[in-house]
Protein backbone atom coordinates (compact mmCIF):
# COMPACT_ATOMS: atom_id res chain seq x y z
CA MET A 1 -30.19 -20.13 24.50
CA GLY A 2 -26.85 -20.09 22.66
CA THR A 3 -24.63 -17.27 21.45
CA PRO A 4 -25.88 -15.82 18.14
CA ASN A 5 -23.57 -16.56 15.14
CA TYR A 6 -22.98 -13.26 13.47
CA PRO A 7 -21.29 -13.12 10.06
CA ARG A 8 -17.62 -11.91 9.95
CA ASP A 9 -17.11 -8.20 9.43
CA PHE A 10 -14.29 -5.76 8.96
CA THR A 11 -13.25 -5.76 12.66
CA ASP A 12 -12.69 -9.55 12.55
CA ASP A 13 -10.41 -9.18 9.57
CA VAL A 14 -8.48 -6.39 11.29
CA ARG A 15 -8.03 -8.55 14.45
CA ASP A 16 -6.79 -11.51 12.36
CA LEU A 17 -4.28 -9.22 10.52
CA ARG A 18 -2.98 -7.86 13.84
CA VAL A 19 -2.55 -11.43 15.19
CA ALA A 20 -0.73 -12.46 12.04
CA ARG A 21 1.47 -9.38 12.14
CA THR A 22 2.45 -9.91 15.73
CA ALA A 23 3.26 -13.55 15.02
CA ALA A 24 5.48 -12.53 12.09
CA LEU A 25 7.32 -9.86 14.09
CA THR A 26 8.01 -12.19 17.02
CA ALA A 27 9.23 -14.94 14.67
CA GLY A 28 11.86 -12.60 13.30
CA GLN A 29 13.11 -11.91 16.80
CA SER A 30 13.94 -15.51 17.70
CA ARG A 31 17.59 -16.30 17.02
CA VAL A 32 19.20 -19.70 16.47
CA PRO A 33 22.56 -20.14 18.30
CA TYR A 34 25.54 -20.16 16.01
CA GLU A 35 26.41 -23.74 16.82
CA GLN A 36 23.02 -24.84 15.67
CA ALA A 37 22.80 -22.64 12.55
CA SER A 38 22.52 -24.44 9.20
CA GLN A 39 24.85 -22.02 7.43
CA GLY A 40 28.32 -20.81 8.37
CA LEU A 41 29.20 -17.45 9.85
CA ILE A 42 30.31 -15.08 7.05
CA LEU A 43 32.78 -12.33 7.98
CA PRO A 44 33.85 -9.51 5.69
CA ASP A 45 37.61 -9.28 4.99
CA LEU A 46 38.60 -5.97 6.49
CA PRO A 47 41.53 -3.88 5.25
CA THR A 48 42.45 -2.77 8.84
CA ASP A 49 41.74 -3.66 12.46
CA PRO A 50 38.27 -2.46 13.57
CA PRO A 51 37.92 -0.29 16.72
CA ALA A 52 37.72 -2.09 20.08
CA PRO A 53 34.21 -2.92 21.31
CA ALA A 54 32.85 -1.39 24.48
CA SER A 55 32.73 -4.83 26.11
CA GLY A 56 33.45 -8.42 25.01
CA VAL A 57 35.35 -9.18 21.81
CA ARG A 58 34.92 -8.37 18.10
CA LEU A 59 35.58 -11.29 15.66
CA TYR A 60 36.74 -10.26 12.20
CA ALA A 61 38.75 -11.34 9.14
CA LYS A 62 41.74 -9.47 7.79
CA ASP A 63 43.90 -10.57 4.90
CA GLY A 64 41.98 -13.83 4.69
CA ARG A 65 42.79 -14.75 8.33
CA LEU A 66 40.63 -14.77 11.46
CA TYR A 67 41.32 -12.33 14.29
CA TYR A 68 39.53 -11.07 17.33
CA ARG A 69 39.95 -7.83 19.32
CA ALA A 70 39.23 -7.54 23.03
CA SER A 71 37.56 -4.56 24.71
CA GLY A 72 40.91 -3.51 26.08
CA GLY A 73 42.21 -3.01 22.52
CA THR A 74 44.44 -6.13 22.33
CA VAL A 75 44.33 -7.96 18.96
CA TYR A 76 44.62 -11.71 19.02
CA GLY A 77 45.37 -13.71 15.90
CA PRO A 78 45.60 -14.94 13.32
CA LEU A 79 43.60 -17.90 14.67
């Protein structure tokens, strides 16, 4: 004897919507590395140096030139 084939009901639609929502949310979390991105990195042209980051470096543009600031506060550039 096989499994009965019941018609779809509201709970099936809710389950399908939850699966689709989860897939959409996780698709937005996957990031493409910058070197593989199809578009360039766009930086705003800042009027002054931004504050130093807690760790790493901060890449930014100032007066149309590229700079970066280390976590120690040192500014490097223009590059």
